[in-house]
Amino acid sequence: MAASVPAFEPYTEAFAADPYPVYAALRETTPVFRSEALGMVLVTRYRDVRRLLTDRRFGRTSVPRADGRPPPGPLPGELPHWDRWVRVNLLETEGETHARLRRLLGGALAPARIQALAGSIEAIATALVQRLEPGSEVDFVSEIAEPLPVSVIAELFGWPPDEIGTLRPWAADIVRLYEKDATAEDRRRADEAARAFGERLIALIEERRRRPRDDLVSALAARLDAADGLSMDELVANSILVLNAGHEATVNAAGNGLLALLRHPDARRALLAAPARVPQAIEEMLRYDSPLHLFHRFAGEDLEIGGVSVARGEAVGLLYGAANRDPEAFPEPDRFDIGRHPNRHLAFGAATHFCLGAPLARLELRTLFGALLGRLGAMELGEAPEYRTGLVFRGLQRLVVRP
């Protein structure tokens, strides 16, 4: 008889507050299981997740299911602007197309371009941290965690300064569709955001083709219609991806990481005593409460994972959040240890789907927490933190602190 699946209700407030006991129970009793509610097979153990990220029998591009059921998410043709400007991005492709897009984007996001932002990131982070006035209460998420990466990604792209306020709402509406509880209204808003985002980017791209600047849009526009370059729709789709992914993970990691420090006084004292450990602390923040908890792929053939049969075309969800607390990969995984080494977490994925924006996110987080050190010693939590419900992304809705 198959083992029973522990209560797995990822879109509840209780799960959002602390999903890790549920993950632990799943790893122990049913490390691979089928969720009818989500329409996919879920994998919880580190070794399985890491292996499946490199297994070429799986891909992000859906194939017809053997049982004729539709794949999870919006169907092709249901959301015309989403189809045009989201489905063709790097994240949603495999094979030669994925390799070409990754090569082009990786070249545009070269280390020199990222490092050139260091001064701007430091200036933005310093100015934001000054909002933490002693005796006040501040929502760290809305006042600091969100503005920093949005401002940085806007500068990277050369986005018009007076239009920066559009980026976060558009991104939030688009990425909402990756959650499995998205409603019809969510789908409408996502398609509208994709339309507005795409049309604005096309206008910006055409402007940069006429008058290039030293920004990412100009660098990518230079590859338009080249033999091994980008089509306009690919350029728009991948620009949207970088703009969204370029701040979503950082916002969540910053809030989750600060909360972990505030809840673990010993780790906070250790960091204050040795500021040079900030980069190592960032890696532990990314492991301990990762900003991305689910990444799904589709089976390209009938196969078996951990004793569970998976049909061709069926979605398989890799639970990064569970894998990053696996005791087989991380000794004492529920302990927040800023000195942990090695720390081969999966917060940014692995293999061909390793996040291209990881170097920028790490630079932003190191700079932000370096700037926070002067306020961290006296900082306290205000009202109870609020996590957003969700399974794909894990992040705080509000994190009120008293400097």
Protein backbone atom coordinates (compact mmCIF):
# COMPACT_ATOMS: atom_id res chain seq x y z
CA MET A 1 0.00 0.00 0.00
CA ALA A 2 1.33 3.43 -0.93
CA ALA A 3 2.26 5.72 1.93
CA SER A 4 -0.24 8.46 2.66
CA VAL A 5 0.78 11.99 1.73
CA PRO A 6 1.05 14.38 4.70
CA ALA A 7 -1.35 17.31 4.56
CA PHE A 8 -0.05 19.42 1.68
CA GLU A 9 -2.05 22.64 1.33
CA PRO A 10 0.44 25.14 -0.11
CA TYR A 11 -2.01 27.99 -0.66
CA THR A 12 -2.99 28.41 2.97
CA GLU A 13 -1.74 30.99 5.45
CA ALA A 14 -0.53 28.24 7.77
CA PHE A 15 1.71 26.80 5.07
CA ALA A 16 2.96 30.27 4.12
CA ALA A 17 3.92 30.97 7.73
CA ASP A 18 6.11 27.84 7.93
CA PRO A 19 6.15 25.22 5.15
CA TYR A 20 9.23 23.41 6.43
CA PRO A 21 7.62 20.88 8.81
CA VAL A 22 5.39 19.79 5.91
CA TYR A 23 8.41 19.47 3.62
CA ALA A 24 10.23 17.40 6.26
CA ALA A 25 7.29 15.02 6.59
CA LEU A 26 7.05 14.67 2.81
CA ARG A 27 10.77 13.94 2.45
CA GLU A 28 10.49 11.25 5.10
CA THR A 29 7.29 9.51 4.05
CA THR A 30 6.56 10.32 0.40
CA PRO A 31 9.62 11.99 -1.15
CA VAL A 32 7.98 11.73 -4.59
CA PHE A 33 4.21 12.06 -4.77
CA ARG A 34 1.43 13.07 -7.11
CA SER A 35 -0.67 16.11 -6.26
CA GLU A 36 -4.01 15.95 -8.02
CA ALA A 37 -4.81 19.47 -6.88
CA LEU A 38 -1.71 20.87 -8.61
CA GLY A 39 -1.79 18.44 -11.52
CA MET A 40 1.83 17.34 -11.15
CA VAL A 41 4.25 14.96 -9.50
CA LEU A 42 6.31 16.65 -6.78
CA VAL A 43 9.90 15.83 -5.79
CA THR A 44 11.28 16.84 -2.38
CA ARG A 45 14.78 15.40 -1.85
CA TYR A 46 17.93 17.27 -2.77
CA ARG A 47 19.60 14.44 -4.66
CA ASP A 48 16.48 13.82 -6.78
CA VAL A 49 15.89 17.49 -7.52
CA ARG A 50 19.51 18.03 -8.53
CA ARG A 51 19.51 14.91 -10.72
CA LEU A 52 16.29 15.85 -12.50
CA LEU A 53 17.62 19.32 -13.32
CA THR A 54 20.21 17.65 -15.56
CA ASP A 55 18.01 14.84 -16.91
CA ARG A 56 17.44 15.47 -20.61
CA ARG A 57 14.25 13.46 -20.59
CA PHE A 58 12.64 16.52 -18.97
CA GLY A 59 12.12 19.98 -20.40
CA ARG A 60 10.24 23.21 -19.88
CA THR A 61 8.43 22.88 -23.20
CA SER A 62 5.21 20.97 -22.77
CA VAL A 63 4.48 17.92 -24.93
CA PRO A 64 1.01 16.34 -25.33
CA ARG A 65 0.13 14.27 -22.28
CA ALA A 66 -0.28 10.54 -22.76
CA ASP A 67 -3.67 10.67 -21.00
CA GLY A 68 -4.90 13.61 -23.08
CA ARG A 69 -5.25 15.94 -20.08
CA PRO A 70 -4.12 19.56 -20.51
CA PRO A 71 -0.88 20.69 -18.85
CA PRO A 72 -1.06 23.05 -15.84
CA GLY A 73 -1.20 26.77 -16.57
CA PRO A 74 -2.80 28.79 -19.37
CA LEU A 75 -3.41 26.90 -22.61
CA PRO A 76 -1.83 28.14 -25.85
CA GLY A 77 -4.15 30.65 -27.51
CA GLU A 78 -5.95 31.50 -24.26
CA LEU A 79 -3.71 34.49 -23.52
CA PRO A 80 -2.43 35.97 -26.81
CA HIS A 81 -0.01 38.50 -25.32
CA TRP A 82 1.30 36.01 -22.75
CA ASP A 83 1.86 33.52 -25.60
CA ARG A 84 3.72 36.11 -27.66
CA TRP A 85 5.85 37.74 -24.97
CA VAL A 86 6.24 35.21 -22.17
CA ARG A 87 6.10 31.68 -23.60
CA VAL A 88 9.13 32.24 -25.87
CA ASN A 89 11.55 33.42 -23.18
CA LEU A 90 14.69 31.61 -22.00
CA LEU A 91 12.91 30.04 -19.04
CA GLU A 92 10.29 28.36 -21.24
CA THR A 93 12.58 26.91 -23.93
CA GLU A 94 14.92 23.95 -24.27
CA GLY A 95 17.51 22.58 -26.67
CA GLU A 96 19.14 24.70 -29.35
CA THR A 97 16.75 27.62 -28.83
CA HIS A 98 17.53 27.70 -25.12
CA ALA A 99 21.28 27.49 -25.77
CA ARG A 100 21.13 30.37 -28.28
CA LEU A 101 19.07 32.61 -26.00
CA ARG A 102 21.24 31.79 -23.00
CA ARG A 103 24.41 32.61 -24.95
CA LEU A 104 23.02 35.97 -26.11
CA LEU A 105 21.63 36.96 -22.71
CA GLY A 106 24.72 35.72 -20.90
CA GLY A 107 26.88 37.89 -23.14
CA ALA A 108 24.71 40.93 -22.50
CA LEU A 109 24.80 40.26 -18.74
CA ALA A 110 28.58 39.83 -18.67
CA PRO A 111 30.37 40.28 -15.32
CA ALA A 112 31.80 43.63 -16.41
CA ARG A 113 28.31 45.04 -17.01
CA ILE A 114 27.09 43.77 -13.62
CA GLN A 115 30.17 45.04 -11.77
CA ALA A 116 29.76 48.46 -13.38
CA LEU A 117 26.53 48.79 -11.37
CA ALA A 118 28.30 48.37 -8.02
CA GLY A 119 28.59 52.09 -7.32
CA SER A 120 24.95 52.76 -8.15
CA ILE A 121 23.79 49.81 -6.05
CA GLU A 122 25.76 51.07 -3.06
CA ALA A 123 24.37 54.60 -3.44
CA ILE A 124 20.78 53.34 -3.73
CA ALA A 125 21.15 50.92 -0.80
CA THR A 126 22.71 53.58 1.42
CA ALA A 127 19.94 56.07 0.67
CA LEU A 128 17.24 53.46 1.35
CA VAL A 129 18.78 52.33 4.64
CA GLN A 130 18.67 55.93 5.83
CA ARG A 131 14.89 55.54 5.95
CA LEU A 132 15.40 53.33 9.01
CA GLU A 133 15.25 56.09 11.58
CA PRO A 134 15.60 55.12 15.26
CA GLY A 135 12.25 55.12 17.02
CA SER A 136 10.25 54.64 13.83
CA GLU A 137 8.49 51.63 12.35
CA VAL A 138 9.23 50.78 8.72
CA ASP A 139 7.89 48.11 6.38
CA PHE A 140 11.20 46.74 5.14
CA VAL A 141 9.59 45.09 2.11
CA SER A 142 7.91 48.12 0.57
CA GLU A 143 10.44 50.73 1.72
CA ILE A 144 13.75 48.94 1.03
CA ALA A 145 13.55 45.39 -0.35
CA GLU A 146 11.38 46.36 -3.34
CA PRO A 147 12.86 49.75 -4.36
CA LEU A 148 16.49 48.57 -4.46
CA PRO A 149 16.35 45.85 -7.15
CA VAL A 150 13.66 47.66 -9.15
CA SER A 151 15.84 50.79 -9.31
CA VAL A 152 18.91 48.72 -10.22
CA ILE A 153 17.22 46.71 -12.97
CA ALA A 154 15.75 49.93 -14.38
CA GLU A 155 19.24 51.43 -14.58
CA LEU A 156 20.61 48.27 -16.18
CA PHE A 157 17.97 48.49 -18.89
CA GLY A 158 18.02 52.25 -19.32
CA TRP A 159 14.33 52.35 -18.37
CA PRO A 160 12.90 55.90 -18.34
CA PRO A 161 13.21 57.14 -14.72
CA ASP A 162 9.70 58.59 -14.66
CA GLU A 163 8.25 55.18 -15.63
CA ILE A 164 10.01 52.99 -13.04
CA GLY A 165 6.75 52.76 -11.08
CA THR A 166 5.24 50.58 -13.84
CA LEU A 167 7.78 47.77 -13.51
CA ARG A 168 6.80 46.20 -10.19
CA PRO A 169 3.02 46.09 -10.88
CA TRP A 170 3.54 44.64 -14.37
CA ALA A 171 5.98 42.05 -13.04
CA ALA A 172 3.69 41.07 -10.15
CA ASP A 173 0.76 40.50 -12.52
CA ILE A 174 2.85 38.42 -14.94
CA VAL A 175 4.53 36.16 -12.37
CA ARG A 176 1.22 35.60 -10.57
CA LEU A 177 0.35 33.20 -13.36
CA TYR A 178 3.13 30.84 -12.30
CA GLU A 179 1.21 30.07 -9.11
CA LYS A 180 -1.18 27.17 -9.39
CA ASP A 181 -4.13 28.95 -7.75
CA ALA A 182 -4.28 31.71 -10.37
CA THR A 183 -7.84 32.82 -11.13
CA ALA A 184 -9.52 33.95 -14.34
CA GLU A 185 -8.99 37.54 -13.19
CA ASP A 186 -5.30 36.80 -12.58
CA ARG A 187 -5.04 35.48 -16.14
CA ARG A 188 -6.72 38.59 -17.54
CA ARG A 189 -4.39 40.88 -15.58
CA ALA A 190 -1.33 38.88 -16.64
CA ASP A 191 -2.21 39.10 -20.31
CA GLU A 192 -2.89 42.83 -20.01
CA ALA A 193 0.43 43.35 -18.22
CA ALA A 194 2.23 41.37 -20.93
CA ARG A 195 0.58 43.54 -23.58
CA ALA A 196 1.49 46.83 -21.89
CA PHE A 197 5.00 45.65 -21.06
CA GLY A 198 5.62 44.33 -24.58
CA GLU A 199 4.36 47.43 -26.35
CA ARG A 200 6.43 49.74 -24.16
CA LEU A 201 9.54 47.64 -24.70
CA ILE A 202 9.11 47.65 -28.48
CA ALA A 203 8.95 51.45 -28.42
CA LEU A 204 12.07 51.56 -26.22
CA ILE A 205 13.92 49.09 -28.44
CA GLU A 206 13.17 51.12 -31.56
CA GLU A 207 14.40 54.23 -29.80
CA ARG A 208 17.66 52.50 -28.83
CA ARG A 209 18.15 51.25 -32.39
CA ARG A 210 18.11 54.84 -33.54
CA ARG A 211 20.15 56.20 -30.63
CA PRO A 212 22.08 53.41 -28.82
CA ARG A 213 23.22 53.88 -25.22
CA ASP A 214 25.37 51.90 -22.83
CA ASP A 215 22.49 49.80 -21.49
CA LEU A 216 21.11 46.30 -21.82
CA VAL A 217 18.31 47.21 -24.23
CA SER A 218 20.85 48.69 -26.66
CA ALA A 219 23.13 45.66 -26.30
CA LEU A 220 20.30 43.23 -27.05
CA ALA A 221 18.83 45.40 -29.83
CA ALA A 222 22.18 45.18 -31.62
CA ARG A 223 21.53 41.43 -32.02
CA LEU A 224 18.14 41.87 -33.68
CA ASP A 225 17.67 39.82 -36.84
CA ALA A 226 21.29 38.65 -36.92
CA ALA A 227 21.82 35.10 -38.20
CA ASP A 228 22.32 33.79 -34.64
CA GLY A 229 20.57 36.69 -32.92
CA LEU A 230 17.10 37.55 -31.67
CA SER A 231 13.73 38.17 -33.25
CA MET A 232 11.82 41.18 -31.95
CA ASP A 233 9.42 38.95 -30.01
CA GLU A 234 12.33 37.03 -28.47
CA LEU A 235 14.01 40.28 -27.48
CA VAL A 236 10.83 41.56 -25.85
CA ALA A 237 10.10 38.24 -24.11
CA ASN A 238 13.58 37.90 -22.68
CA SER A 239 13.72 41.55 -21.65
CA ILE A 240 10.50 41.01 -19.72
CA LEU A 241 12.02 37.88 -18.15
CA VAL A 242 15.17 39.71 -17.04
CA LEU A 243 13.20 42.70 -15.75
CA ASN A 244 10.91 40.41 -13.73
CA ALA A 245 13.45 37.85 -12.54
CA GLY A 246 15.98 40.62 -11.96
CA HIS A 247 14.08 41.90 -8.98
CA GLU A 248 11.58 39.24 -7.86
CA ALA A 249 14.18 36.94 -6.29
CA THR A 250 16.08 39.80 -4.67
CA VAL A 251 12.98 41.29 -3.06
CA ASN A 252 12.04 37.94 -1.53
CA ALA A 253 15.58 37.00 -0.51
CA ALA A 254 16.15 40.36 1.20
CA GLY A 255 12.97 40.14 3.28
CA ASN A 256 13.37 36.44 4.10
CA GLY A 257 17.03 36.97 4.97
CA LEU A 258 16.51 39.90 7.31
CA LEU A 259 13.73 38.03 9.10
CA ALA A 260 16.04 35.04 9.58
CA LEU A 261 18.69 37.30 11.13
CA LEU A 262 16.19 38.96 13.45
CA ARG A 263 14.88 35.59 14.61
CA HIS A 264 18.38 34.23 15.27
CA PRO A 265 20.23 36.60 17.63
CA ASP A 266 23.36 34.43 17.73
CA ALA A 267 23.73 34.62 13.94
CA ARG A 268 23.13 38.35 14.02
CA ARG A 269 25.82 38.87 16.67
CA ALA A 270 28.24 36.68 14.73
CA LEU A 271 27.68 38.75 11.59
CA LEU A 272 28.11 42.04 13.42
CA ALA A 273 31.35 40.75 14.94
CA ALA A 274 32.70 39.72 11.52
CA PRO A 275 31.25 41.87 8.70
CA ALA A 276 33.48 40.10 6.18
CA ARG A 277 31.12 37.12 6.52
CA VAL A 278 28.28 38.96 4.75
CA PRO A 279 28.73 37.00 1.47
CA GLN A 280 28.64 33.69 3.35
CA ALA A 281 25.61 34.85 5.32
CA ILE A 282 23.82 35.70 2.07
CA GLU A 283 24.29 32.12 0.83
CA GLU A 284 22.77 30.78 4.04
CA MET A 285 19.82 33.18 3.73
CA LEU A 286 19.25 31.87 0.20
CA ARG A 287 19.31 28.26 1.41
CA TYR A 288 17.44 28.65 4.68
CA ASP A 289 14.38 30.46 3.28
CA SER A 290 14.74 30.41 -0.49
CA PRO A 291 12.93 32.97 -2.67
CA LEU A 292 11.91 30.28 -5.20
CA HIS A 293 10.34 27.06 -3.94
CA LEU A 294 9.03 25.34 -7.06
CA PHE A 295 10.36 24.89 -10.59
CA HIS A 296 8.48 22.56 -12.88
CA ARG A 297 9.48 20.60 -15.98
CA PHE A 298 7.62 18.21 -18.28
CA ALA A 299 8.44 14.55 -18.87
CA GLY A 300 9.35 13.86 -22.48
CA GLU A 301 8.61 10.14 -22.15
CA ASP A 302 7.01 7.62 -19.79
CA LEU A 303 9.35 7.01 -16.85
CA GLU A 304 9.58 6.43 -13.11
CA ILE A 305 10.84 8.67 -10.30
CA GLY A 306 11.31 7.17 -6.86
CA GLY A 307 8.77 4.44 -7.50
CA VAL A 308 6.16 6.85 -8.94
CA SER A 309 5.19 6.38 -12.59
CA VAL A 310 5.25 9.59 -14.63
CA ALA A 311 3.52 9.73 -18.00
CA ARG A 312 4.84 11.55 -21.05
CA GLY A 313 3.74 15.20 -20.92
CA GLU A 314 3.10 15.15 -17.17
CA ALA A 315 4.48 18.07 -15.13
CA VAL A 316 7.09 17.34 -12.45
CA GLY A 317 7.56 19.95 -9.74
CA LEU A 318 11.02 20.28 -8.19
CA LEU A 319 10.56 21.60 -4.67
CA TYR A 320 13.67 23.71 -4.09
CA GLY A 321 12.38 24.79 -0.70
CA ALA A 322 12.23 21.19 0.49
CA ALA A 323 15.54 20.21 -1.13
CA ASN A 324 17.37 23.08 0.56
CA ARG A 325 16.36 21.71 3.99
CA ASP A 326 17.27 18.09 3.21
CA PRO A 327 19.42 16.66 6.06
CA GLU A 328 21.18 14.36 3.58
CA ALA A 329 22.61 17.45 1.85
CA PHE A 330 22.85 19.93 4.74
CA PRO A 331 23.75 18.90 8.31
CA GLU A 332 21.24 20.35 10.79
CA PRO A 333 19.26 21.88 7.91
CA ASP A 334 16.80 23.76 10.13
CA ARG A 335 19.63 25.64 11.83
CA PHE A 336 20.40 29.09 10.40
CA ASP A 337 24.20 28.95 10.22
CA ILE A 338 25.93 31.89 8.53
CA GLY A 339 29.20 29.93 8.63
CA ARG A 340 27.81 26.95 6.71
CA HIS A 341 30.33 25.47 4.29
CA PRO A 342 29.94 24.02 1.78
CA ASN A 343 26.54 25.44 0.91
CA ARG A 344 25.46 24.03 -2.44
CA HIS A 345 21.88 25.28 -2.24
CA LEU A 346 19.45 25.36 -5.15
CA ALA A 347 18.01 28.83 -4.61
CA PHE A 348 19.03 29.81 -8.16
CA GLY A 349 18.48 26.40 -9.73
CA ALA A 350 21.27 24.45 -11.42
CA ALA A 351 22.61 23.28 -14.76
CA THR A 352 21.11 24.82 -17.91
CA HIS A 353 18.39 26.53 -15.90
CA PHE A 354 20.72 28.16 -13.39
CA CYS A 355 19.54 31.76 -12.99
CA LEU A 356 21.50 34.16 -15.22
CA GLY A 357 20.65 36.98 -12.84
CA ALA A 358 22.25 35.29 -9.81
CA PRO A 359 25.45 37.43 -9.91
CA LEU A 360 23.38 40.63 -9.88
CA ALA A 361 21.11 39.37 -7.08
CA ARG A 362 24.11 38.39 -4.97
CA LEU A 363 25.77 41.77 -5.53
CA GLU A 364 22.57 43.58 -4.51
CA LEU A 365 22.10 41.44 -1.40
CA ARG A 366 25.73 41.76 -0.29
CA THR A 367 25.57 45.52 -0.73
CA LEU A 368 22.23 45.88 1.04
CA PHE A 369 23.19 43.81 4.08
CA GLY A 370 26.54 45.52 4.23
CA ALA A 371 24.70 48.85 4.43
CA LEU A 372 22.31 47.44 7.05
CA LEU A 373 25.04 46.40 9.49
CA GLY A 374 25.11 49.80 11.18
CA ARG A 375 21.39 49.51 12.06
CA LEU A 376 21.19 45.77 12.62
CA GLY A 377 22.38 45.67 16.22
CA ALA A 378 19.43 47.60 17.63
CA MET A 379 16.81 46.43 15.13
CA GLU A 380 13.68 44.65 16.38
CA LEU A 381 10.66 43.09 14.77
CA GLY A 382 7.46 45.10 14.87
CA GLU A 383 4.13 43.44 14.17
CA ALA A 384 4.03 39.80 13.09
CA PRO A 385 5.53 39.28 9.62
CA GLU A 386 3.13 38.45 6.79
CA TYR A 387 4.14 35.97 4.10
CA ARG A 388 2.36 35.92 0.75
CA THR A 389 0.57 32.64 0.15
CA GLY A 390 2.06 30.67 -2.70
CA LEU A 391 4.20 27.70 -3.64
CA VAL A 392 6.35 28.91 -6.54
CA PHE A 393 7.63 32.10 -4.92
CA ARG A 394 8.24 32.55 -1.20
CA GLY A 395 8.31 36.09 0.06
CA LEU A 396 6.96 38.47 2.65
CA GLN A 397 4.03 40.77 2.11
CA ARG A 398 5.11 42.93 5.06
CA LEU A 399 8.07 42.95 7.41
CA VAL A 400 7.72 45.78 9.95
CA VAL A 401 10.93 46.57 11.80
CA ARG A 402 11.95 49.06 14.49
CA PRO A 403 15.54 50.27 13.96
